[in-house]
C-alpha atoms as a PDB file:
ATOM      1  CA  MET A   1       0.000   0.000   0.000  1.00  0.00           C
ATOM      2  CA  ARG A   2       1.388   3.374  -1.015  1.00  0.00           C
ATOM      3  CA  TYR A   3       0.625   6.564   0.898  1.00  0.00           C
ATOM      4  CA  ILE A   4       1.194  10.269   0.317  1.00  0.00           C
ATOM      5  CA  LEU A   5       1.900  12.637   3.190  1.00  0.00           C
ATOM      6  CA  ASN A   6      -0.916  15.185   3.419  1.00  0.00           C
ATOM      7  CA  ARG A   7       1.196  17.500   5.603  1.00  0.00           C
ATOM      8  CA  ASP A   8       4.733  17.954   6.830  1.00  0.00           C
ATOM      9  CA  VAL A   9       5.701  15.590   9.662  1.00  0.00           C
ATOM     10  CA  THR A  10       8.268  17.290  11.868  1.00  0.00           C
ATOM     11  CA  THR A  11      10.752  16.028  14.406  1.00  0.00           C
ATOM     12  CA  ASP A  12       8.799  17.946  17.065  1.00  0.00           C
ATOM     13  CA  GLU A  13       5.832  15.643  16.410  1.00  0.00           C
ATOM     14  CA  CYS A  14       7.826  12.465  15.740  1.00  0.00           C
ATOM     15  CA  HIS A  15      11.104  12.711  17.643  1.00  0.00           C
ATOM     16  CA  TRP A  16      12.412   9.474  16.094  1.00  0.00           C
ATOM     17  CA  LEU A  17      12.629  11.032  12.633  1.00  0.00           C
ATOM     18  CA  GLY A  18      16.016  12.375  11.618  1.00  0.00           C
ATOM     19  CA  LYS A  19      14.461  15.283   9.739  1.00  0.00           C
ATOM     20  CA  THR A  20      11.098  16.700   8.694  1.00  0.00           C
ATOM     21  CA  ILE A  21       9.355  14.643   6.036  1.00  0.00           C
ATOM     22  CA  PRO A  22       7.624  17.047   3.655  1.00  0.00           C
ATOM     23  CA  LYS A  23       4.041  17.035   2.462  1.00  0.00           C
ATOM     24  CA  GLY A  24       3.694  15.092  -0.795  1.00  0.00           C
ATOM     25  CA  THR A  25       6.347  12.486   0.037  1.00  0.00           C
ATOM     26  CA  LEU A  26       5.426   8.984  -1.179  1.00  0.00           C
ATOM     27  CA  VAL A  27       5.908   6.171   1.338  1.00  0.00           C
ATOM     28  CA  THR A  28       5.018   2.468   1.336  1.00  0.00           C
ATOM     29  CA  LYS A  29       3.542   0.438   4.182  1.00  0.00           C
ATOM     30  CA  TYR A  30       6.400  -1.600   5.653  1.00  0.00           C
ATOM     31  CA  THR A  31       5.725  -5.349   5.488  1.00  0.00           C
ATOM     32  CA  GLY A  32       8.719  -6.649   7.424  1.00  0.00           C
ATOM     33  CA  PRO A  33       9.046  -7.305  11.158  1.00  0.00           C
ATOM     34  CA  THR A  34       8.821  -4.306  13.480  1.00  0.00           C
ATOM     35  CA  TYR A  35       9.307  -6.193  16.760  1.00  0.00           C
ATOM     36  CA  GLY A  36       6.597  -4.201  18.543  1.00  0.00           C
ATOM     37  CA  SER A  37       8.238  -0.851  17.930  1.00  0.00           C
ATOM     38  CA  ILE A  38       5.221   0.750  16.239  1.00  0.00           C
ATOM     39  CA  ASP A  39       2.221   2.261  18.044  1.00  0.00           C
ATOM     40  CA  VAL A  40      -0.332   0.609  15.743  1.00  0.00           C
ATOM     41  CA  ILE A  41      -3.240   2.499  17.317  1.00  0.00           C
ATOM     42  CA  ASN A  42      -1.933   5.871  16.125  1.00  0.00           C
ATOM     43  CA  GLY A  43       0.599   5.102  13.421  1.00  0.00           C
ATOM     44  CA  VAL A  44       1.847   2.772  10.746  1.00  0.00           C
ATOM     45  CA  ALA A  45       5.291   1.494   9.821  1.00  0.00           C
ATOM     46  CA  VAL A  46       6.407   2.846   6.456  1.00  0.00           C
ATOM     47  CA  THR A  47       9.492   2.882   4.284  1.00  0.00           C
ATOM     48  CA  LEU A  48      10.670   5.002   1.404  1.00  0.00           C
ATOM     49  CA  SER A  49      11.251   1.880  -0.726  1.00  0.00           C
ATOM     50  CA  GLU A  50       8.613   0.953  -3.291  1.00  0.00           C
ATOM     51  CA  ASP A  51       8.354  -2.747  -2.402  1.00  0.00           C
ATOM     52  CA  GLY A  52       7.578  -2.227   1.302  1.00  0.00           C
ATOM     53  CA  ASN A  53      10.080  -4.639   2.804  1.00  0.00           C
ATOM     54  CA  GLU A  54      13.325  -2.683   2.706  1.00  0.00           C
ATOM     55  CA  THR A  55      14.715  -1.042   5.815  1.00  0.00           C
ATOM     56  CA  PRO A  56      14.923   1.408   7.349  1.00  0.00           C
ATOM     57  CA  PHE A  57      11.296   1.628   8.369  1.00  0.00           C
ATOM     58  CA  PHE A  58       9.804   4.324  10.568  1.00  0.00           C
ATOM     59  CA  GLU A  59       6.449   5.205  12.090  1.00  0.00           C
ATOM     60  CA  LEU A  60       4.196   7.934  10.740  1.00  0.00           C
ATOM     61  CA  PRO A  61       0.853   8.978  12.223  1.00  0.00           C
ATOM     62  CA  TYR A  62      -2.270   7.931  10.322  1.00  0.00           C
ATOM     63  CA  SER A  63      -3.407  11.563  10.389  1.00  0.00           C
ATOM     64  CA  ALA A  64      -0.481  12.531   8.132  1.00  0.00           C
ATOM     65  CA  LEU A  65      -1.309   9.989   5.421  1.00  0.00           C
ATOM     66  CA  MET A  66      -3.685   9.627   2.513  1.00  0.00           C
ATOM     67  CA  THR A  67      -3.946   6.987  -0.171  1.00  0.00           C
ATOM     68  CA  GLU A  68      -2.737   7.674  -3.689  1.00  0.00           C
ATOM     69  CA  ASP A  69      -6.337   8.322  -4.725  1.00  0.00           C
ATOM     70  CA  GLY A  70      -6.794  10.917  -1.971  1.00  0.00           C
ATOM     71  CA  GLN A  71      -8.633   8.862   0.661  1.00  0.00           C
ATOM     72  CA  GLU A  72      -8.042   9.558   4.355  1.00  0.00           C
ATOM     73  CA  VAL A  73      -6.104   6.832   6.175  1.00  0.00           C
ATOM     74  CA  VAL A  74      -7.462   5.841   9.593  1.00  0.00           C
ATOM     75  CA  SER A  75      -6.331   3.333  12.160  1.00  0.00           C
ATOM     76  CA  PRO A  76      -8.044  -0.038  11.767  1.00  0.00           C
ATOM     77  CA  TYR A  77      -8.211  -0.104  15.575  1.00  0.00           C
ATOM     78  CA  ILE A  78     -10.259   3.063  16.035  1.00  0.00           C
ATOM     79  CA  ASN A  79     -13.640   1.439  15.315  1.00  0.00           C
ATOM     80  CA  PHE A  80     -12.654  -1.667  17.264  1.00  0.00           C
ATOM     81  CA  TYR A  81     -11.871   0.214  20.474  1.00  0.00           C
ATOM     82  CA  SER A  82     -14.673   2.757  20.091  1.00  0.00           C
ATOM     83  CA  ASN A  83     -17.183  -0.109  20.394  1.00  0.00           C
ATOM     84  CA  TRP A  84     -15.898  -1.184  23.793  1.00  0.00           C
ATOM     85  CA  GLU A  85     -18.141  -0.454  26.736  1.00  0.00           C
ATOM     86  CA  ILE A  86     -16.539   0.219  30.081  1.00  0.00           C
ATOM     87  CA  GLU A  87     -18.520  -1.050  33.020  1.00  0.00           C
ATOM     88  CA  ASP A  88     -18.335   0.539  36.434  1.00  0.00           C
ATOM     89  CA  ASP A  89     -17.635  -1.854  39.294  1.00  0.00           C
END
């Protein structure tokens, strides 16, 4: 899956990035092992390679991504967790 950044992602927002990644940058969903290093609720592992399994990979927030056809990218976990009901003891 290929994504386009819909805004700049700065090192202030994502301290693990070495530099700001500019709006319009094309990234690919990373398909290799991440060893639990990605916060899958809020972000996705991506790479700058076209095939999706080359390192380095890094996390970008879903809110900064859109599909190549302009669709908003949302966490697949948002609907799952929003349906949970918390019961008081």
